[in-house]
Amino acid sequence: MSVAYEVVRFVLRLAVGLAVALAVAALWALARGGGFAEALSIACFVVGGLALMLAAAGGSPSRRDAASASWMEKWAFRGTFAENRARLPDTRLSTGAVFAGVAICLIALGVLLG
């Protein structure tokens, strides 16, 4: 398992989750007229809950099979990225574990803000 690869994958998913939570909090604060910190706390709980549901869903092994990929996915993974994709580590964290870690971080941030 490449530790650097897994850390980057986790940090990117956490950054996306936090960006979505910030966007939802901004909209919530504008619509309700309340404080941003309270809205961010609620948004972290909501996005963390969605990430937890994604963790429970996991990843299907058939999604990683190139034979069952859609034409769009086959077209997107052509060229240099496809060559780099073949060099991914054999042992890695499951998708569910990464989403569970992101969910725990977002829910903990919601608790700290609330």
N, C-alpha and C. Protein backbone atom coordinates (compact mmCIF):
# COMPACT_ATOMS: atom_id res chain seq x y z
N MET A 1 0.84 -1.16 0.00
CA MET A 1 0.00 0.00 0.00
C MET A 1 0.89 1.23 0.00
N SER A 2 0.63 2.13 -0.90
CA SER A 2 1.36 3.38 -0.93
C SER A 2 0.68 4.35 0.03
N VAL A 3 1.39 4.68 1.10
CA VAL A 3 0.82 5.55 2.12
C VAL A 3 0.53 6.93 1.55
N ALA A 4 1.44 7.45 0.73
CA ALA A 4 1.25 8.78 0.15
C ALA A 4 0.00 8.82 -0.72
N TYR A 5 -0.23 7.76 -1.51
CA TYR A 5 -1.41 7.69 -2.37
C TYR A 5 -2.69 7.71 -1.54
N GLU A 6 -2.72 6.93 -0.47
CA GLU A 6 -3.91 6.86 0.37
C GLU A 6 -4.16 8.18 1.12
N VAL A 7 -3.08 8.82 1.57
CA VAL A 7 -3.24 10.10 2.27
C VAL A 7 -3.79 11.16 1.31
N VAL A 8 -3.27 11.20 0.10
CA VAL A 8 -3.76 12.17 -0.89
C VAL A 8 -5.22 11.89 -1.22
N ARG A 9 -5.57 10.62 -1.38
CA ARG A 9 -6.96 10.26 -1.69
C ARG A 9 -7.89 10.68 -0.56
N PHE A 10 -7.47 10.45 0.69
CA PHE A 10 -8.29 10.83 1.84
C PHE A 10 -8.42 12.35 1.94
N VAL A 11 -7.31 13.06 1.79
CA VAL A 11 -7.34 14.53 1.92
C VAL A 11 -8.19 15.15 0.82
N LEU A 12 -8.11 14.62 -0.40
CA LEU A 12 -8.94 15.16 -1.47
C LEU A 12 -10.43 14.94 -1.20
N ARG A 13 -10.79 13.77 -0.73
CA ARG A 13 -12.20 13.52 -0.42
C ARG A 13 -12.67 14.38 0.75
N LEU A 14 -11.79 14.58 1.73
CA LEU A 14 -12.14 15.44 2.85
C LEU A 14 -12.29 16.88 2.39
N ALA A 15 -11.43 17.33 1.50
CA ALA A 15 -11.53 18.70 0.98
C ALA A 15 -12.82 18.90 0.20
N VAL A 16 -13.20 17.91 -0.59
CA VAL A 16 -14.46 18.01 -1.34
C VAL A 16 -15.65 18.03 -0.37
N GLY A 17 -15.62 17.17 0.63
CA GLY A 17 -16.70 17.16 1.62
C GLY A 17 -16.80 18.46 2.38
N LEU A 18 -15.66 19.03 2.74
CA LEU A 18 -15.66 20.31 3.45
C LEU A 18 -16.14 21.44 2.55
N ALA A 19 -15.76 21.41 1.27
CA ALA A 19 -16.21 22.43 0.33
C ALA A 19 -17.73 22.37 0.14
N VAL A 20 -18.26 21.16 0.06
CA VAL A 20 -19.72 21.01 -0.06
C VAL A 20 -20.39 21.50 1.21
N ALA A 21 -19.82 21.19 2.37
CA ALA A 21 -20.40 21.65 3.64
C ALA A 21 -20.36 23.17 3.73
N LEU A 22 -19.27 23.78 3.28
CA LEU A 22 -19.18 25.25 3.30
C LEU A 22 -20.22 25.88 2.37
N ALA A 23 -20.41 25.29 1.19
CA ALA A 23 -21.41 25.82 0.26
C ALA A 23 -22.82 25.68 0.83
N VAL A 24 -23.12 24.52 1.40
CA VAL A 24 -24.45 24.31 2.00
C VAL A 24 -24.64 25.26 3.18
N ALA A 25 -23.60 25.48 3.98
CA ALA A 25 -23.70 26.38 5.13
C ALA A 25 -23.93 27.81 4.68
N ALA A 26 -23.26 28.22 3.61
CA ALA A 26 -23.45 29.59 3.11
C ALA A 26 -24.88 29.79 2.64
N LEU A 27 -25.40 28.82 1.89
CA LEU A 27 -26.79 28.92 1.44
C LEU A 27 -27.76 28.88 2.61
N TRP A 28 -27.49 28.02 3.58
CA TRP A 28 -28.35 27.90 4.76
C TRP A 28 -28.36 29.20 5.56
N ALA A 29 -27.18 29.80 5.74
CA ALA A 29 -27.09 31.05 6.51
C ALA A 29 -27.78 32.19 5.78
N LEU A 30 -27.67 32.23 4.45
CA LEU A 30 -28.35 33.28 3.69
C LEU A 30 -29.86 33.10 3.71
N ALA A 31 -30.32 31.86 3.60
CA ALA A 31 -31.75 31.60 3.56
C ALA A 31 -32.41 31.81 4.92
N ARG A 32 -31.73 31.39 5.98
CA ARG A 32 -32.31 31.49 7.31
C ARG A 32 -31.99 32.79 8.00
N GLY A 33 -30.87 33.40 7.63
CA GLY A 33 -30.48 34.64 8.28
C GLY A 33 -29.79 34.43 9.61
N GLY A 34 -29.41 33.21 9.93
CA GLY A 34 -28.74 32.93 11.19
C GLY A 34 -27.24 33.07 11.06
N GLY A 35 -26.53 32.59 12.08
CA GLY A 35 -25.08 32.66 12.07
C GLY A 35 -24.47 31.60 11.19
N PHE A 36 -23.28 31.92 10.66
CA PHE A 36 -22.61 30.99 9.76
C PHE A 36 -22.06 29.78 10.51
N ALA A 37 -21.58 29.96 11.74
CA ALA A 37 -21.01 28.85 12.50
C ALA A 37 -22.06 27.77 12.78
N GLU A 38 -23.25 28.20 13.14
CA GLU A 38 -24.33 27.24 13.39
C GLU A 38 -24.73 26.52 12.11
N ALA A 39 -24.79 27.26 11.00
CA ALA A 39 -25.13 26.64 9.72
C ALA A 39 -24.04 25.68 9.27
N LEU A 40 -22.77 26.02 9.54
CA LEU A 40 -21.67 25.14 9.17
C LEU A 40 -21.70 23.85 10.00
N SER A 41 -22.07 23.98 11.26
CA SER A 41 -22.20 22.80 12.11
C SER A 41 -23.26 21.85 11.56
N ILE A 42 -24.40 22.39 11.21
CA ILE A 42 -25.49 21.57 10.65
C ILE A 42 -25.06 20.96 9.32
N ALA A 43 -24.41 21.76 8.48
CA ALA A 43 -23.98 21.26 7.17
C ALA A 43 -22.94 20.16 7.31
N CYS A 44 -22.05 20.28 8.29
CA CYS A 44 -21.07 19.21 8.52
C CYS A 44 -21.75 17.92 8.93
N PHE A 45 -22.79 18.03 9.75
CA PHE A 45 -23.55 16.83 10.14
C PHE A 45 -24.23 16.21 8.92
N VAL A 46 -24.82 17.04 8.07
CA VAL A 46 -25.55 16.53 6.90
C VAL A 46 -24.59 15.87 5.91
N VAL A 47 -23.51 16.56 5.57
CA VAL A 47 -22.56 16.00 4.61
C VAL A 47 -21.84 14.79 5.21
N GLY A 48 -21.54 14.85 6.49
CA GLY A 48 -20.94 13.69 7.16
C GLY A 48 -21.87 12.49 7.14
N GLY A 49 -23.15 12.73 7.33
CA GLY A 49 -24.13 11.63 7.25
C GLY A 49 -24.22 11.04 5.86
N LEU A 50 -24.16 11.90 4.85
CA LEU A 50 -24.17 11.40 3.47
C LEU A 50 -22.90 10.59 3.17
N ALA A 51 -21.77 11.06 3.68
CA ALA A 51 -20.52 10.32 3.49
C ALA A 51 -20.58 8.97 4.21
N LEU A 52 -21.24 8.95 5.36
CA LEU A 52 -21.39 7.69 6.10
C LEU A 52 -22.27 6.71 5.32
N MET A 53 -23.30 7.21 4.65
CA MET A 53 -24.13 6.34 3.82
C MET A 53 -23.33 5.82 2.62
N LEU A 54 -22.46 6.67 2.05
CA LEU A 54 -21.61 6.22 0.96
C LEU A 54 -20.62 5.17 1.45
N ALA A 55 -20.16 5.31 2.69
CA ALA A 55 -19.25 4.32 3.26
C ALA A 55 -19.96 2.98 3.42
N ALA A 56 -21.21 3.02 3.82
CA ALA A 56 -21.96 1.78 3.99
C ALA A 56 -22.22 1.11 2.65
N ALA A 57 -22.37 1.91 1.60
CA ALA A 57 -22.61 1.35 0.26
C ALA A 57 -21.35 0.69 -0.27
N GLY A 58 -20.18 1.23 0.08
CA GLY A 58 -18.92 0.64 -0.38
C GLY A 58 -18.73 0.78 -1.86
N GLY A 59 -17.85 -0.01 -2.40
CA GLY A 59 -17.58 0.00 -3.83
C GLY A 59 -17.75 -1.39 -4.40
N SER A 60 -18.39 -1.49 -5.51
CA SER A 60 -18.61 -2.79 -6.14
C SER A 60 -17.37 -3.20 -6.91
N PRO A 61 -16.93 -4.45 -6.78
CA PRO A 61 -15.76 -4.89 -7.56
C PRO A 61 -15.99 -4.79 -9.06
N SER A 62 -17.24 -4.90 -9.52
CA SER A 62 -17.51 -4.81 -10.95
C SER A 62 -17.26 -3.41 -11.49
N ARG A 63 -17.26 -2.39 -10.63
CA ARG A 63 -16.99 -1.03 -11.10
C ARG A 63 -15.54 -0.86 -11.51
N ARG A 64 -14.65 -1.70 -10.97
CA ARG A 64 -13.24 -1.60 -11.32
C ARG A 64 -12.89 -2.47 -12.53
N ASP A 65 -13.84 -3.22 -13.04
CA ASP A 65 -13.59 -4.11 -14.16
C ASP A 65 -13.75 -3.34 -15.46
N ALA A 66 -12.69 -3.29 -16.26
CA ALA A 66 -12.72 -2.50 -17.49
C ALA A 66 -13.70 -3.09 -18.50
N ALA A 67 -13.99 -4.38 -18.41
CA ALA A 67 -14.91 -5.00 -19.37
C ALA A 67 -16.34 -4.51 -19.16
N SER A 68 -16.70 -4.16 -17.94
CA SER A 68 -18.07 -3.73 -17.69
C SER A 68 -18.20 -2.22 -17.63
N ALA A 69 -17.12 -1.49 -17.94
CA ALA A 69 -17.17 -0.03 -17.88
C ALA A 69 -17.97 0.51 -19.06
N SER A 70 -18.55 1.66 -18.84
CA SER A 70 -19.31 2.28 -19.91
C SER A 70 -18.36 2.83 -20.96
N TRP A 71 -18.90 3.20 -22.10
CA TRP A 71 -18.06 3.75 -23.17
C TRP A 71 -17.44 5.06 -22.74
N MET A 72 -18.15 5.83 -21.90
CA MET A 72 -17.63 7.12 -21.47
C MET A 72 -16.42 6.93 -20.54
N GLU A 73 -16.52 5.95 -19.65
CA GLU A 73 -15.40 5.69 -18.75
C GLU A 73 -14.20 5.15 -19.52
N LYS A 74 -14.44 4.28 -20.49
CA LYS A 74 -13.33 3.77 -21.30
C LYS A 74 -12.66 4.91 -22.07
N TRP A 75 -13.45 5.84 -22.57
CA TRP A 75 -12.90 6.96 -23.32
C TRP A 75 -12.12 7.90 -22.40
N ALA A 76 -12.62 8.10 -21.17
CA ALA A 76 -11.98 9.01 -20.24
C ALA A 76 -10.64 8.48 -19.74
N PHE A 77 -10.48 7.17 -19.65
CA PHE A 77 -9.26 6.59 -19.10
C PHE A 77 -8.27 6.15 -20.18
N ARG A 78 -8.30 6.80 -21.31
CA ARG A 78 -7.34 6.46 -22.36
C ARG A 78 -6.05 7.24 -22.13
N GLY A 79 -5.01 6.90 -22.82
CA GLY A 79 -3.78 7.68 -22.81
C GLY A 79 -2.95 7.49 -21.55
N THR A 80 -2.31 8.56 -21.11
CA THR A 80 -1.33 8.47 -20.02
C THR A 80 -1.98 8.11 -18.70
N PHE A 81 -3.20 8.56 -18.47
CA PHE A 81 -3.83 8.24 -17.19
C PHE A 81 -4.08 6.74 -17.07
N ALA A 82 -4.43 6.10 -18.19
CA ALA A 82 -4.66 4.66 -18.16
C ALA A 82 -3.36 3.93 -17.81
N GLU A 83 -2.23 4.43 -18.30
CA GLU A 83 -0.95 3.81 -17.96
C GLU A 83 -0.65 4.01 -16.49
N ASN A 84 -0.93 5.20 -15.96
CA ASN A 84 -0.71 5.46 -14.54
C ASN A 84 -1.69 4.67 -13.68
N ARG A 85 -2.89 4.46 -14.18
CA ARG A 85 -3.90 3.71 -13.45
C ARG A 85 -3.46 2.26 -13.25
N ALA A 86 -2.71 1.73 -14.22
CA ALA A 86 -2.23 0.36 -14.10
C ALA A 86 -1.17 0.24 -13.01
N ARG A 87 -0.54 1.33 -12.62
CA ARG A 87 0.51 1.28 -11.60
C ARG A 87 -0.02 1.61 -10.21
N LEU A 88 -1.32 1.60 -10.04
CA LEU A 88 -1.89 1.84 -8.72
C LEU A 88 -1.48 0.70 -7.79
N PRO A 89 -1.37 0.97 -6.49
CA PRO A 89 -0.98 -0.10 -5.57
C PRO A 89 -2.02 -1.21 -5.52
N ASP A 90 -1.53 -2.44 -5.36
CA ASP A 90 -2.43 -3.59 -5.30
C ASP A 90 -3.24 -3.59 -4.01
N THR A 91 -2.59 -3.27 -2.92
CA THR A 91 -3.26 -3.25 -1.63
C THR A 91 -3.57 -1.81 -1.28
N ARG A 92 -4.83 -1.51 -1.08
CA ARG A 92 -5.21 -0.15 -0.75
C ARG A 92 -6.46 -0.15 0.11
N LEU A 93 -6.74 0.99 0.68
CA LEU A 93 -7.94 1.11 1.50
C LEU A 93 -9.17 1.00 0.62
N SER A 94 -10.21 0.43 1.16
CA SER A 94 -11.45 0.35 0.41
C SER A 94 -12.09 1.72 0.34
N THR A 95 -12.97 1.88 -0.61
CA THR A 95 -13.69 3.14 -0.77
C THR A 95 -14.52 3.43 0.47
N GLY A 96 -15.11 2.39 1.03
CA GLY A 96 -15.92 2.56 2.23
C GLY A 96 -15.12 3.07 3.41
N ALA A 97 -13.88 2.60 3.54
CA ALA A 97 -13.03 3.06 4.65
C ALA A 97 -12.67 4.53 4.50
N VAL A 98 -12.41 4.96 3.27
CA VAL A 98 -12.08 6.37 3.05
C VAL A 98 -13.29 7.25 3.36
N PHE A 99 -14.46 6.86 2.87
CA PHE A 99 -15.67 7.64 3.14
C PHE A 99 -16.02 7.63 4.63
N ALA A 100 -15.77 6.53 5.32
CA ALA A 100 -16.03 6.48 6.76
C ALA A 100 -15.11 7.44 7.50
N GLY A 101 -13.84 7.51 7.09
CA GLY A 101 -12.91 8.46 7.70
C GLY A 101 -13.33 9.90 7.47
N VAL A 102 -13.77 10.19 6.26
CA VAL A 102 -14.25 11.54 5.94
C VAL A 102 -15.49 11.86 6.76
N ALA A 103 -16.40 10.91 6.89
CA ALA A 103 -17.62 11.13 7.67
C ALA A 103 -17.29 11.39 9.14
N ILE A 104 -16.35 10.64 9.69
CA ILE A 104 -15.96 10.84 11.09
C ILE A 104 -15.37 12.23 11.29
N CYS A 105 -14.52 12.67 10.36
CA CYS A 105 -13.92 14.01 10.47
C CYS A 105 -14.97 15.10 10.37
N LEU A 106 -15.90 14.98 9.42
CA LEU A 106 -16.93 16.02 9.27
C LEU A 106 -17.89 16.06 10.44
N ILE A 107 -18.27 14.91 10.95
CA ILE A 107 -19.17 14.88 12.11
C ILE A 107 -18.46 15.43 13.33
N ALA A 108 -17.17 15.11 13.50
CA ALA A 108 -16.40 15.66 14.63
C ALA A 108 -16.30 17.18 14.50
N LEU A 109 -16.12 17.68 13.29
CA LEU A 109 -16.08 19.14 13.10
C LEU A 109 -17.44 19.76 13.42
N GLY A 110 -18.51 19.07 13.07
CA GLY A 110 -19.85 19.55 13.41
C GLY A 110 -20.06 19.62 14.92
N VAL A 111 -19.53 18.63 15.63
CA VAL A 111 -19.64 18.62 17.09
C VAL A 111 -18.82 19.77 17.68
N LEU A 112 -17.62 19.99 17.16
CA LEU A 112 -16.78 21.06 17.68
C LEU A 112 -17.38 22.45 17.43
N LEU A 113 -18.03 22.61 16.28
CA LEU A 113 -18.62 23.91 15.96
C LEU A 113 -19.94 24.13 16.69
N GLY A 114 -20.64 23.05 17.00
CA GLY A 114 -21.96 23.17 17.62
C GLY A 114 -21.88 23.24 19.05
